[in-house]
Amino acid sequence: MKKKTLSWYNPVDPWLFILPTLLGLVVFRLGPIISALIISFTDWDILRKADFVGFSNYKEMFNNPAFFKVLGNTLGFSFIYVIGVMFLGLMLAVLLNQKLKGMKFFRSAFYTPVITSAVAVGIIWLWILSPKYGILTVLLDNLGFKSPYWIGDPKIALLTVSMIQVWKMSGYYMILFLAGLQLIPESLKEAAIIDGAGKVKSFFRITLPLLSPTIFLY
């Protein structure tokens, strides 16, 4: 049997739609990665011609103690960030997947940090965590606790920066999880309710108002 094709379909059209994204990936992502890899095998200071030095740069890097410290900080940041955004994003998605009043407002509020400039986020959190006049510092001092130097203390600086990044990007993963949750068939939801999952909705009716003050950070 001969397959019927749509008269208006053109196989080139989909490629035209994704062409800007492909160009962006090649020019701004793949291109710099390949260039950096090539440059890493040379001795080049931009002002003169590059000299090929082989693996000399890598040997010097592995013999530098600072490299392992930076590597450890990178792995630690990645570990906290990946687990944090996945957990918080999923919790927010489950919370905002309920059919309650005001959900559109909360979804927008929790997604706002994702589209907020990194510079603006940095300034806001520097203000919140300021060791003298920061909101969090003043709050802890009034409660009788000694506020640490959130960003200045090497022991907690990595954790602080990681959690700020988790706070900023959790809304992005919330949208992804929320889209998946809303694709769950109604039949499965009804079966879950019969098995007692309806109690979860009552739980969220109570927890959502309690969590609502957090939107002021978003």
N, C-alpha and C. Protein backbone atom coordinates (compact mmCIF):
# COMPACT_ATOMS: atom_id res chain seq x y z
N MET A 1 0.85 -1.20 0.00
CA MET A 1 0.00 0.00 0.00
C MET A 1 0.89 1.26 0.00
N LYS A 2 0.58 2.17 -0.88
CA LYS A 2 1.36 3.40 -0.97
C LYS A 2 0.99 4.35 0.16
N LYS A 3 2.03 4.87 0.84
CA LYS A 3 1.78 5.78 1.96
C LYS A 3 1.33 7.14 1.44
N LYS A 4 0.34 7.70 2.14
CA LYS A 4 -0.15 9.02 1.79
C LYS A 4 0.71 10.08 2.47
N THR A 5 1.07 11.09 1.73
CA THR A 5 1.86 12.20 2.29
C THR A 5 1.02 13.46 2.28
N LEU A 6 1.27 14.32 3.24
CA LEU A 6 0.55 15.59 3.31
C LEU A 6 1.01 16.49 2.17
N SER A 7 0.07 17.08 1.49
CA SER A 7 0.41 17.90 0.33
C SER A 7 1.22 19.14 0.70
N TRP A 8 1.02 19.63 1.93
CA TRP A 8 1.71 20.85 2.33
C TRP A 8 3.03 20.59 3.03
N TYR A 9 3.35 19.31 3.27
CA TYR A 9 4.55 18.99 4.05
C TYR A 9 5.80 19.14 3.20
N ASN A 10 6.79 19.79 3.76
CA ASN A 10 8.09 19.95 3.12
C ASN A 10 9.16 19.50 4.09
N PRO A 11 9.95 18.47 3.77
CA PRO A 11 10.95 17.96 4.73
C PRO A 11 12.01 18.97 5.12
N VAL A 12 12.13 20.05 4.37
CA VAL A 12 13.14 21.07 4.69
C VAL A 12 12.66 22.00 5.80
N ASP A 13 11.34 22.17 5.91
CA ASP A 13 10.79 23.13 6.88
C ASP A 13 11.23 22.88 8.33
N PRO A 14 11.19 21.65 8.84
CA PRO A 14 11.63 21.44 10.23
C PRO A 14 13.07 21.88 10.47
N TRP A 15 13.93 21.65 9.48
CA TRP A 15 15.34 22.05 9.63
C TRP A 15 15.48 23.57 9.66
N LEU A 16 14.61 24.26 8.95
CA LEU A 16 14.66 25.73 8.99
C LEU A 16 14.28 26.26 10.36
N PHE A 17 13.36 25.57 11.03
CA PHE A 17 12.93 26.01 12.36
C PHE A 17 14.03 25.79 13.41
N ILE A 18 14.76 24.69 13.29
CA ILE A 18 15.80 24.40 14.29
C ILE A 18 17.16 24.95 13.89
N LEU A 19 17.26 25.56 12.69
CA LEU A 19 18.54 26.10 12.24
C LEU A 19 19.12 27.15 13.18
N PRO A 20 18.32 28.13 13.68
CA PRO A 20 18.91 29.11 14.62
C PRO A 20 19.50 28.46 15.87
N THR A 21 18.82 27.45 16.41
CA THR A 21 19.34 26.76 17.58
C THR A 21 20.61 26.00 17.26
N LEU A 22 20.64 25.33 16.12
CA LEU A 22 21.84 24.59 15.72
C LEU A 22 23.02 25.53 15.52
N LEU A 23 22.77 26.68 14.88
CA LEU A 23 23.85 27.65 14.68
C LEU A 23 24.36 28.18 16.01
N GLY A 24 23.42 28.43 16.94
CA GLY A 24 23.83 28.91 18.26
C GLY A 24 24.68 27.90 19.00
N LEU A 25 24.29 26.62 18.91
CA LEU A 25 25.06 25.58 19.58
C LEU A 25 26.46 25.44 18.98
N VAL A 26 26.54 25.52 17.66
CA VAL A 26 27.84 25.35 16.99
C VAL A 26 28.74 26.55 17.26
N VAL A 27 28.18 27.75 17.12
CA VAL A 27 29.00 28.97 17.23
C VAL A 27 29.36 29.29 18.67
N PHE A 28 28.39 29.15 19.59
CA PHE A 28 28.61 29.60 20.96
C PHE A 28 28.91 28.48 21.95
N ARG A 29 28.74 27.23 21.56
CA ARG A 29 29.02 26.12 22.47
C ARG A 29 30.12 25.21 21.92
N LEU A 30 29.82 24.56 20.80
CA LEU A 30 30.76 23.59 20.25
C LEU A 30 32.04 24.26 19.76
N GLY A 31 31.91 25.40 19.09
CA GLY A 31 33.08 26.11 18.59
C GLY A 31 34.08 26.49 19.68
N PRO A 32 33.63 27.18 20.75
CA PRO A 32 34.55 27.52 21.84
C PRO A 32 35.17 26.31 22.53
N ILE A 33 34.41 25.22 22.65
CA ILE A 33 34.96 24.02 23.29
C ILE A 33 36.11 23.45 22.46
N ILE A 34 35.91 23.36 21.16
CA ILE A 34 36.96 22.84 20.28
C ILE A 34 38.16 23.79 20.27
N SER A 35 37.90 25.09 20.23
CA SER A 35 38.99 26.07 20.23
C SER A 35 39.81 25.99 21.52
N ALA A 36 39.11 25.87 22.66
CA ALA A 36 39.81 25.77 23.95
C ALA A 36 40.66 24.50 24.01
N LEU A 37 40.15 23.41 23.45
CA LEU A 37 40.91 22.16 23.44
C LEU A 37 42.18 22.30 22.61
N ILE A 38 42.08 22.96 21.47
CA ILE A 38 43.26 23.16 20.61
C ILE A 38 44.27 24.08 21.29
N ILE A 39 43.77 25.17 21.87
CA ILE A 39 44.66 26.14 22.52
C ILE A 39 45.38 25.52 23.71
N SER A 40 44.73 24.53 24.37
CA SER A 40 45.35 23.93 25.56
C SER A 40 46.66 23.20 25.23
N PHE A 41 46.90 22.90 23.97
CA PHE A 41 48.14 22.23 23.57
C PHE A 41 49.18 23.22 23.04
N THR A 42 48.95 24.50 23.26
CA THR A 42 49.86 25.53 22.76
C THR A 42 50.29 26.47 23.87
N ASP A 43 51.35 27.22 23.59
CA ASP A 43 51.80 28.31 24.45
C ASP A 43 51.48 29.60 23.71
N TRP A 44 50.41 30.27 24.16
CA TRP A 44 49.90 31.42 23.40
C TRP A 44 49.42 32.50 24.35
N ASP A 45 49.86 33.71 24.11
CA ASP A 45 49.43 34.85 24.93
C ASP A 45 48.65 35.87 24.13
N ILE A 46 48.10 35.48 23.00
CA ILE A 46 47.26 36.29 22.11
C ILE A 46 48.07 37.30 21.30
N LEU A 47 49.17 37.83 21.88
CA LEU A 47 49.95 38.87 21.21
C LEU A 47 50.93 38.30 20.19
N ARG A 48 51.28 37.03 20.32
CA ARG A 48 52.23 36.43 19.38
C ARG A 48 51.69 35.11 18.86
N LYS A 49 52.40 34.54 17.94
CA LYS A 49 51.97 33.30 17.32
C LYS A 49 52.01 32.16 18.33
N ALA A 50 51.01 31.29 18.26
CA ALA A 50 50.93 30.16 19.19
C ALA A 50 51.99 29.13 18.87
N ASP A 51 52.63 28.61 19.93
CA ASP A 51 53.64 27.55 19.80
C ASP A 51 53.07 26.26 20.36
N PHE A 52 53.17 25.18 19.59
CA PHE A 52 52.67 23.89 20.04
C PHE A 52 53.61 23.32 21.10
N VAL A 53 53.05 22.99 22.27
CA VAL A 53 53.87 22.47 23.39
C VAL A 53 53.42 21.10 23.84
N GLY A 54 52.48 20.49 23.16
CA GLY A 54 52.03 19.15 23.51
C GLY A 54 51.28 19.13 24.83
N PHE A 55 51.67 18.20 25.70
CA PHE A 55 50.98 18.02 26.98
C PHE A 55 51.66 18.78 28.12
N SER A 56 52.51 19.75 27.81
CA SER A 56 53.23 20.49 28.86
C SER A 56 52.27 21.24 29.77
N ASN A 57 51.23 21.84 29.20
CA ASN A 57 50.27 22.57 30.03
C ASN A 57 49.54 21.64 30.98
N TYR A 58 49.23 20.44 30.52
CA TYR A 58 48.53 19.48 31.37
C TYR A 58 49.45 18.95 32.47
N LYS A 59 50.72 18.76 32.16
CA LYS A 59 51.67 18.32 33.18
C LYS A 59 51.80 19.37 34.28
N GLU A 60 51.88 20.63 33.86
CA GLU A 60 51.98 21.71 34.84
C GLU A 60 50.71 21.81 35.67
N MET A 61 49.57 21.57 35.03
CA MET A 61 48.30 21.65 35.74
C MET A 61 48.20 20.57 36.81
N PHE A 62 48.56 19.34 36.47
CA PHE A 62 48.45 18.25 37.43
C PHE A 62 49.49 18.35 38.55
N ASN A 63 50.56 19.08 38.33
CA ASN A 63 51.57 19.28 39.36
C ASN A 63 51.27 20.48 40.26
N ASN A 64 50.20 21.18 39.96
CA ASN A 64 49.81 22.36 40.76
C ASN A 64 48.77 21.93 41.79
N PRO A 65 49.05 22.09 43.10
CA PRO A 65 48.09 21.68 44.14
C PRO A 65 46.76 22.41 44.04
N ALA A 66 46.76 23.61 43.49
CA ALA A 66 45.51 24.37 43.39
C ALA A 66 44.52 23.68 42.45
N PHE A 67 45.03 22.91 41.49
CA PHE A 67 44.14 22.24 40.54
C PHE A 67 43.21 21.26 41.25
N PHE A 68 43.76 20.49 42.17
CA PHE A 68 42.95 19.49 42.87
C PHE A 68 41.94 20.14 43.81
N LYS A 69 42.32 21.30 44.35
CA LYS A 69 41.37 22.03 45.19
C LYS A 69 40.21 22.56 44.36
N VAL A 70 40.55 23.11 43.20
CA VAL A 70 39.50 23.61 42.29
C VAL A 70 38.63 22.46 41.81
N LEU A 71 39.26 21.32 41.50
CA LEU A 71 38.50 20.16 41.04
C LEU A 71 37.55 19.67 42.13
N GLY A 72 38.03 19.65 43.37
CA GLY A 72 37.18 19.23 44.48
C GLY A 72 36.01 20.17 44.69
N ASN A 73 36.27 21.48 44.58
CA ASN A 73 35.19 22.45 44.73
C ASN A 73 34.16 22.32 43.60
N THR A 74 34.64 22.05 42.40
CA THR A 74 33.73 21.88 41.26
C THR A 74 32.84 20.65 41.44
N LEU A 75 33.46 19.54 41.87
CA LEU A 75 32.68 18.32 42.10
C LEU A 75 31.69 18.51 43.24
N GLY A 76 32.12 19.19 44.29
CA GLY A 76 31.22 19.45 45.42
C GLY A 76 30.05 20.32 45.02
N PHE A 77 30.35 21.37 44.26
CA PHE A 77 29.28 22.25 43.79
C PHE A 77 28.30 21.48 42.90
N SER A 78 28.83 20.66 41.99
CA SER A 78 27.97 19.90 41.08
C SER A 78 27.09 18.92 41.85
N PHE A 79 27.65 18.28 42.86
CA PHE A 79 26.90 17.31 43.66
C PHE A 79 25.74 17.99 44.37
N ILE A 80 26.02 19.11 45.04
CA ILE A 80 24.97 19.83 45.77
C ILE A 80 23.93 20.39 44.81
N TYR A 81 24.40 20.93 43.70
CA TYR A 81 23.49 21.57 42.76
C TYR A 81 22.54 20.57 42.10
N VAL A 82 23.09 19.47 41.59
CA VAL A 82 22.25 18.49 40.88
C VAL A 82 21.20 17.90 41.81
N ILE A 83 21.63 17.47 43.00
CA ILE A 83 20.67 16.90 43.94
C ILE A 83 19.67 17.95 44.41
N GLY A 84 20.16 19.16 44.66
CA GLY A 84 19.28 20.22 45.16
C GLY A 84 18.20 20.62 44.18
N VAL A 85 18.58 20.89 42.91
CA VAL A 85 17.58 21.35 41.94
C VAL A 85 16.60 20.23 41.61
N MET A 86 17.07 18.98 41.58
CA MET A 86 16.16 17.88 41.28
C MET A 86 15.14 17.68 42.40
N PHE A 87 15.63 17.71 43.64
CA PHE A 87 14.74 17.50 44.78
C PHE A 87 13.77 18.66 44.93
N LEU A 88 14.29 19.88 44.97
CA LEU A 88 13.43 21.05 45.18
C LEU A 88 12.50 21.26 43.98
N GLY A 89 13.02 21.05 42.76
CA GLY A 89 12.17 21.19 41.58
C GLY A 89 11.02 20.21 41.58
N LEU A 90 11.30 18.96 41.99
CA LEU A 90 10.23 17.96 42.04
C LEU A 90 9.22 18.29 43.13
N MET A 91 9.69 18.73 44.29
CA MET A 91 8.78 19.08 45.36
C MET A 91 7.88 20.25 44.97
N LEU A 92 8.45 21.25 44.32
CA LEU A 92 7.64 22.39 43.89
C LEU A 92 6.64 21.97 42.81
N ALA A 93 7.07 21.08 41.91
CA ALA A 93 6.16 20.62 40.86
C ALA A 93 4.98 19.86 41.44
N VAL A 94 5.25 18.98 42.38
CA VAL A 94 4.16 18.23 43.03
C VAL A 94 3.25 19.18 43.78
N LEU A 95 3.84 20.15 44.44
CA LEU A 95 3.06 21.11 45.21
C LEU A 95 2.16 21.96 44.31
N LEU A 96 2.69 22.40 43.17
CA LEU A 96 1.95 23.30 42.29
C LEU A 96 1.13 22.56 41.24
N ASN A 97 1.09 21.25 41.32
CA ASN A 97 0.27 20.47 40.39
C ASN A 97 -1.15 20.29 40.91
N GLN A 98 -1.43 20.85 42.06
CA GLN A 98 -2.76 20.73 42.65
C GLN A 98 -3.72 21.75 42.04
N LYS A 99 -4.98 21.40 41.94
CA LYS A 99 -6.00 22.29 41.38
C LYS A 99 -6.57 23.17 42.49
N LEU A 100 -5.78 24.14 42.88
CA LEU A 100 -6.18 25.07 43.93
C LEU A 100 -6.13 26.49 43.39
N LYS A 101 -6.74 27.40 44.10
CA LYS A 101 -6.75 28.80 43.67
C LYS A 101 -5.36 29.41 43.82
N GLY A 102 -5.01 30.26 42.87
CA GLY A 102 -3.75 30.99 42.95
C GLY A 102 -2.54 30.24 42.45
N MET A 103 -2.73 29.07 41.80
CA MET A 103 -1.60 28.28 41.36
C MET A 103 -0.78 28.98 40.28
N LYS A 104 -1.45 29.72 39.40
CA LYS A 104 -0.73 30.43 38.34
C LYS A 104 0.21 31.47 38.93
N PHE A 105 -0.24 32.11 39.99
CA PHE A 105 0.61 33.11 40.64
C PHE A 105 1.85 32.46 41.25
N PHE A 106 1.65 31.34 41.94
CA PHE A 106 2.78 30.67 42.58
C PHE A 106 3.75 30.10 41.54
N ARG A 107 3.23 29.57 40.44
CA ARG A 107 4.11 29.05 39.39
C ARG A 107 4.98 30.16 38.82
N SER A 108 4.38 31.31 38.58
CA SER A 108 5.15 32.45 38.06
C SER A 108 6.18 32.92 39.08
N ALA A 109 5.78 32.94 40.35
CA ALA A 109 6.67 33.42 41.40
C ALA A 109 7.89 32.52 41.55
N PHE A 110 7.68 31.21 41.54
CA PHE A 110 8.79 30.29 41.71
C PHE A 110 9.66 30.19 40.46
N TYR A 111 9.14 30.58 39.31
CA TYR A 111 9.93 30.54 38.08
C TYR A 111 10.71 31.83 37.84
N THR A 112 10.33 32.89 38.50
CA THR A 112 10.95 34.20 38.28
C THR A 112 12.48 34.20 38.44
N PRO A 113 13.07 33.53 39.44
CA PRO A 113 14.52 33.56 39.56
C PRO A 113 15.26 33.02 38.34
N VAL A 114 14.63 32.10 37.60
CA VAL A 114 15.29 31.50 36.43
C VAL A 114 15.56 32.55 35.37
N ILE A 115 14.63 33.47 35.18
CA ILE A 115 14.77 34.49 34.14
C ILE A 115 15.34 35.79 34.69
N THR A 116 15.72 35.79 35.95
CA THR A 116 16.33 36.97 36.55
C THR A 116 17.82 37.00 36.25
N SER A 117 18.35 38.15 35.97
CA SER A 117 19.77 38.30 35.66
C SER A 117 20.64 37.78 36.80
N ALA A 118 21.72 37.09 36.44
CA ALA A 118 22.64 36.57 37.45
C ALA A 118 23.27 37.71 38.26
N VAL A 119 23.49 38.84 37.62
CA VAL A 119 24.04 40.01 38.33
C VAL A 119 23.06 40.49 39.39
N ALA A 120 21.78 40.58 39.02
CA ALA A 120 20.76 41.03 39.97
C ALA A 120 20.64 40.05 41.13
N VAL A 121 20.67 38.75 40.82
CA VAL A 121 20.59 37.74 41.88
C VAL A 121 21.78 37.86 42.82
N GLY A 122 22.97 38.06 42.26
CA GLY A 122 24.16 38.20 43.10
C GLY A 122 24.08 39.40 44.02
N ILE A 123 23.61 40.52 43.50
CA ILE A 123 23.49 41.74 44.32
C ILE A 123 22.47 41.55 45.44
N ILE A 124 21.35 40.93 45.11
CA ILE A 124 20.30 40.71 46.12
C ILE A 124 20.82 39.82 47.24
N TRP A 125 21.49 38.71 46.87
CA TRP A 125 21.97 37.80 47.91
C TRP A 125 23.15 38.36 48.69
N LEU A 126 23.96 39.19 48.06
CA LEU A 126 25.02 39.88 48.82
C LEU A 126 24.40 40.81 49.86
N TRP A 127 23.30 41.41 49.49
CA TRP A 127 22.59 42.28 50.43
C TRP A 127 21.96 41.46 51.55
N ILE A 128 21.36 40.33 51.23
CA ILE A 128 20.73 39.49 52.25
C ILE A 128 21.77 38.90 53.19
N LEU A 129 22.94 38.50 52.65
CA LEU A 129 23.96 37.80 53.44
C LEU A 129 25.07 38.71 53.93
N SER A 130 24.89 40.00 53.80
CA SER A 130 25.92 40.94 54.28
C SER A 130 26.23 40.69 55.75
N PRO A 131 27.52 40.61 56.13
CA PRO A 131 27.86 40.30 57.53
C PRO A 131 27.50 41.39 58.53
N LYS A 132 27.16 42.59 58.06
CA LYS A 132 26.82 43.68 58.97
C LYS A 132 25.36 44.08 58.88
N TYR A 133 24.87 44.30 57.66
CA TYR A 133 23.54 44.85 57.50
C TYR A 133 22.61 43.92 56.73
N GLY A 134 23.02 42.69 56.50
CA GLY A 134 22.19 41.75 55.77
C GLY A 134 20.92 41.38 56.52
N ILE A 135 19.84 41.14 55.78
CA ILE A 135 18.56 40.80 56.41
C ILE A 135 18.70 39.52 57.23
N LEU A 136 19.33 38.50 56.67
CA LEU A 136 19.47 37.24 57.39
C LEU A 136 20.38 37.39 58.60
N THR A 137 21.42 38.19 58.46
CA THR A 137 22.34 38.43 59.57
C THR A 137 21.63 39.11 60.73
N VAL A 138 20.87 40.15 60.42
CA VAL A 138 20.14 40.88 61.45
C VAL A 138 19.09 39.99 62.11
N LEU A 139 18.42 39.16 61.30
CA LEU A 139 17.40 38.26 61.85
C LEU A 139 18.01 37.27 62.82
N LEU A 140 19.13 36.65 62.45
CA LEU A 140 19.78 35.69 63.33
C LEU A 140 20.31 36.36 64.60
N ASP A 141 20.86 37.55 64.46
CA ASP A 141 21.36 38.28 65.64
C ASP A 141 20.23 38.60 66.61
N ASN A 142 19.08 38.98 66.09
CA ASN A 142 17.94 39.29 66.96
C ASN A 142 17.39 38.04 67.63
N LEU A 143 17.59 36.88 67.01
CA LEU A 143 17.14 35.62 67.61
C LEU A 143 18.16 35.05 68.58
N GLY A 144 19.31 35.72 68.71
CA GLY A 144 20.33 35.28 69.65
C GLY A 144 21.37 34.35 69.06
N PHE A 145 21.39 34.20 67.72
CA PHE A 145 22.38 33.35 67.07
C PHE A 145 23.46 34.20 66.43
N LYS A 146 24.67 33.68 66.43
CA LYS A 146 25.77 34.38 65.79
C LYS A 146 25.78 34.05 64.31
N SER A 147 25.64 35.06 63.48
CA SER A 147 25.59 34.84 62.04
C SER A 147 26.98 34.61 61.47
N PRO A 148 27.18 33.57 60.70
CA PRO A 148 28.51 33.31 60.10
C PRO A 148 28.74 34.21 58.90
N TYR A 149 29.97 34.24 58.43
CA TYR A 149 30.29 34.93 57.19
C TYR A 149 29.96 33.99 56.04
N TRP A 150 28.78 34.15 55.51
CA TRP A 150 28.24 33.18 54.57
C TRP A 150 29.14 32.96 53.36
N ILE A 151 29.67 34.04 52.81
CA ILE A 151 30.49 33.94 51.61
C ILE A 151 31.98 34.09 51.93
N GLY A 152 32.29 34.72 53.04
CA GLY A 152 33.69 34.94 53.39
C GLY A 152 34.34 33.79 54.13
N ASP A 153 33.55 32.89 54.71
CA ASP A 153 34.10 31.76 55.45
C ASP A 153 34.34 30.59 54.49
N PRO A 154 35.60 30.14 54.33
CA PRO A 154 35.89 29.05 53.39
C PRO A 154 35.15 27.76 53.72
N LYS A 155 34.74 27.58 54.97
CA LYS A 155 34.09 26.33 55.37
C LYS A 155 32.66 26.22 54.83
N ILE A 156 31.99 27.35 54.66
CA ILE A 156 30.59 27.31 54.23
C ILE A 156 30.33 28.09 52.94
N ALA A 157 31.38 28.71 52.38
CA ALA A 157 31.20 29.53 51.17
C ALA A 157 30.69 28.68 50.01
N LEU A 158 31.26 27.48 49.84
CA LEU A 158 30.84 26.61 48.74
C LEU A 158 29.38 26.20 48.89
N LEU A 159 28.98 25.85 50.11
CA LEU A 159 27.59 25.47 50.36
C LEU A 159 26.66 26.64 50.12
N THR A 160 27.06 27.84 50.53
CA THR A 160 26.22 29.02 50.34
C THR A 160 25.99 29.31 48.87
N VAL A 161 27.08 29.32 48.09
CA VAL A 161 26.98 29.60 46.66
C VAL A 161 26.15 28.52 45.97
N SER A 162 26.34 27.27 46.37
CA SER A 162 25.60 26.17 45.76
C SER A 162 24.10 26.31 46.01
N MET A 163 23.73 26.65 47.24
CA MET A 163 22.32 26.76 47.58
C MET A 163 21.67 27.96 46.87
N ILE A 164 22.44 29.03 46.68
CA ILE A 164 21.90 30.17 45.94
C ILE A 164 21.61 29.76 44.49
N GLN A 165 22.51 28.98 43.90
CA GLN A 165 22.28 28.50 42.54
C GLN A 165 21.11 27.53 42.47
N VAL A 166 20.96 26.72 43.50
CA VAL A 166 19.80 25.82 43.57
C VAL A 166 18.52 26.63 43.63
N TRP A 167 18.51 27.66 44.47
CA TRP A 167 17.34 28.54 44.58
C TRP A 167 17.01 29.19 43.24
N LYS A 168 18.03 29.59 42.50
CA LYS A 168 17.80 30.29 41.24
C LYS A 168 17.26 29.37 40.15
N MET A 169 17.75 28.13 40.07
CA MET A 169 17.43 27.26 38.93
C MET A 169 16.38 26.20 39.23
N SER A 170 15.93 26.08 40.47
CA SER A 170 14.95 25.05 40.79
C SER A 170 13.63 25.26 40.04
N GLY A 171 13.29 26.52 39.73
CA GLY A 171 12.07 26.79 39.00
C GLY A 171 12.09 26.22 37.59
N TYR A 172 13.26 26.16 36.98
CA TYR A 172 13.37 25.58 35.63
C TYR A 172 13.01 24.10 35.65
N TYR A 173 13.57 23.38 36.59
CA TYR A 173 13.28 21.95 36.69
C TYR A 173 11.86 21.72 37.21
N MET A 174 11.35 22.67 37.96
CA MET A 174 9.95 22.59 38.39
C MET A 174 9.03 22.54 37.18
N ILE A 175 9.30 23.38 36.18
CA ILE A 175 8.48 23.41 34.97
C ILE A 175 8.56 22.07 34.23
N LEU A 176 9.76 21.50 34.16
CA LEU A 176 9.92 20.22 33.46
C LEU A 176 9.15 19.11 34.18
N PHE A 177 9.30 19.06 35.49
CA PHE A 177 8.58 18.04 36.26
C PHE A 177 7.07 18.28 36.20
N LEU A 178 6.69 19.54 36.25
CA LEU A 178 5.26 19.87 36.22
C LEU A 178 4.63 19.45 34.89
N ALA A 179 5.36 19.64 33.81
CA ALA A 179 4.86 19.22 32.50
C ALA A 179 4.67 17.70 32.46
N GLY A 180 5.61 16.97 33.07
CA GLY A 180 5.48 15.52 33.11
C GLY A 180 4.32 15.06 33.98
N LEU A 181 4.14 15.74 35.10
CA LEU A 181 3.05 15.36 36.00
C LEU A 181 1.69 15.60 35.36
N GLN A 182 1.57 16.66 34.57
CA GLN A 182 0.30 16.97 33.96
C GLN A 182 -0.02 16.06 32.78
N LEU A 183 0.96 15.28 32.34
CA LEU A 183 0.72 14.32 31.27
C LEU A 183 0.29 12.95 31.79
N ILE A 184 0.24 12.81 33.12
CA ILE A 184 -0.20 11.54 33.70
C ILE A 184 -1.69 11.34 33.41
N PRO A 185 -2.08 10.21 32.86
CA PRO A 185 -3.50 9.99 32.53
C PRO A 185 -4.39 10.08 33.76
N GLU A 186 -5.60 10.55 33.55
CA GLU A 186 -6.56 10.69 34.63
C GLU A 186 -6.91 9.35 35.27
N SER A 187 -6.85 8.29 34.46
CA SER A 187 -7.17 6.96 34.99
C SER A 187 -6.20 6.56 36.09
N LEU A 188 -4.92 6.89 35.90
CA LEU A 188 -3.93 6.57 36.93
C LEU A 188 -4.16 7.41 38.18
N LYS A 189 -4.54 8.68 37.99
CA LYS A 189 -4.82 9.54 39.14
C LYS A 189 -6.01 9.01 39.93
N GLU A 190 -7.05 8.57 39.22
CA GLU A 190 -8.23 8.04 39.90
C GLU A 190 -7.89 6.77 40.67
N ALA A 191 -7.05 5.94 40.08
CA ALA A 191 -6.64 4.72 40.78
C ALA A 191 -5.82 5.05 42.02
N ALA A 192 -5.00 6.09 41.91
CA ALA A 192 -4.20 6.50 43.07
C ALA A 192 -5.07 7.04 44.18
N ILE A 193 -6.10 7.81 43.80
CA ILE A 193 -7.02 8.36 44.81
C ILE A 193 -7.76 7.24 45.53
N ILE A 194 -8.16 6.21 44.78
CA ILE A 194 -8.83 5.07 45.39
C ILE A 194 -7.92 4.37 46.39
N ASP A 195 -6.62 4.36 46.09
CA ASP A 195 -5.65 3.72 46.99
C ASP A 195 -5.25 4.61 48.16
N GLY A 196 -5.83 5.80 48.25
CA GLY A 196 -5.56 6.66 49.40
C GLY A 196 -4.71 7.87 49.11
N ALA A 197 -4.35 8.11 47.83
CA ALA A 197 -3.51 9.26 47.51
C ALA A 197 -4.24 10.58 47.67
N GLY A 198 -5.56 10.54 47.85
CA GLY A 198 -6.32 11.77 48.03
C GLY A 198 -5.91 12.53 49.28
N LYS A 199 -5.31 11.84 50.24
CA LYS A 199 -4.87 12.50 51.47
C LYS A 199 -3.74 13.49 51.19
N VAL A 200 -3.00 13.27 50.10
CA VAL A 200 -1.89 14.16 49.77
C VAL A 200 -2.41 15.56 49.45
N LYS A 201 -3.57 15.62 48.79
CA LYS A 201 -4.13 16.92 48.42
C LYS A 201 -4.45 17.75 49.65
N SER A 202 -4.98 17.10 50.67
CA SER A 202 -5.27 17.82 51.91
C SER A 202 -3.99 18.34 52.55
N PHE A 203 -2.94 17.55 52.43
CA PHE A 203 -1.64 17.98 52.98
C PHE A 203 -1.16 19.25 52.28
N PHE A 204 -1.30 19.30 50.94
CA PHE A 204 -0.84 20.46 50.21
C PHE A 204 -1.72 21.67 50.47
N ARG A 205 -2.99 21.46 50.77
CA ARG A 205 -3.87 22.59 51.11
C ARG A 205 -3.36 23.32 52.35
N ILE A 206 -2.69 22.56 53.22
CA ILE A 206 -2.17 23.15 54.46
C ILE A 206 -0.77 23.73 54.24
N THR A 207 0.08 23.00 53.50
CA THR A 207 1.47 23.42 53.34
C THR A 207 1.64 24.60 52.41
N LEU A 208 0.77 24.74 51.39
CA LEU A 208 0.94 25.84 50.44
C LEU A 208 0.85 27.21 51.10
N PRO A 209 -0.14 27.49 51.95
CA PRO A 209 -0.14 28.79 52.62
C PRO A 209 1.08 28.99 53.52
N LEU A 210 1.58 27.89 54.11
CA LEU A 210 2.75 28.03 54.96
C LEU A 210 4.00 28.37 54.16
N LEU A 211 4.06 27.88 52.92
CA LEU A 211 5.22 28.15 52.08
C LEU A 211 5.11 29.46 51.31
N SER A 212 3.94 30.05 51.30
CA SER A 212 3.73 31.26 50.51
C SER A 212 4.68 32.41 50.84
N PRO A 213 5.12 32.58 52.09
CA PRO A 213 6.07 33.69 52.33
C PRO A 213 7.36 33.56 51.57
N THR A 214 7.73 32.34 51.11
CA THR A 214 8.98 32.18 50.39
C THR A 214 8.96 32.88 49.04
N ILE A 215 7.80 33.24 48.53
CA ILE A 215 7.75 33.90 47.22
C ILE A 215 8.41 35.27 47.27
N PHE A 216 8.54 35.85 48.45
CA PHE A 216 9.17 37.15 48.54
C PHE A 216 10.65 37.06 48.20
N LEU A 217 11.25 35.85 48.31
CA LEU A 217 12.63 35.67 47.88
C LEU A 217 12.71 35.46 46.38
N TYR A 218 11.59 35.22 45.75
CA TYR A 218 11.59 34.98 44.31
C TYR A 218 11.22 36.24 43.55
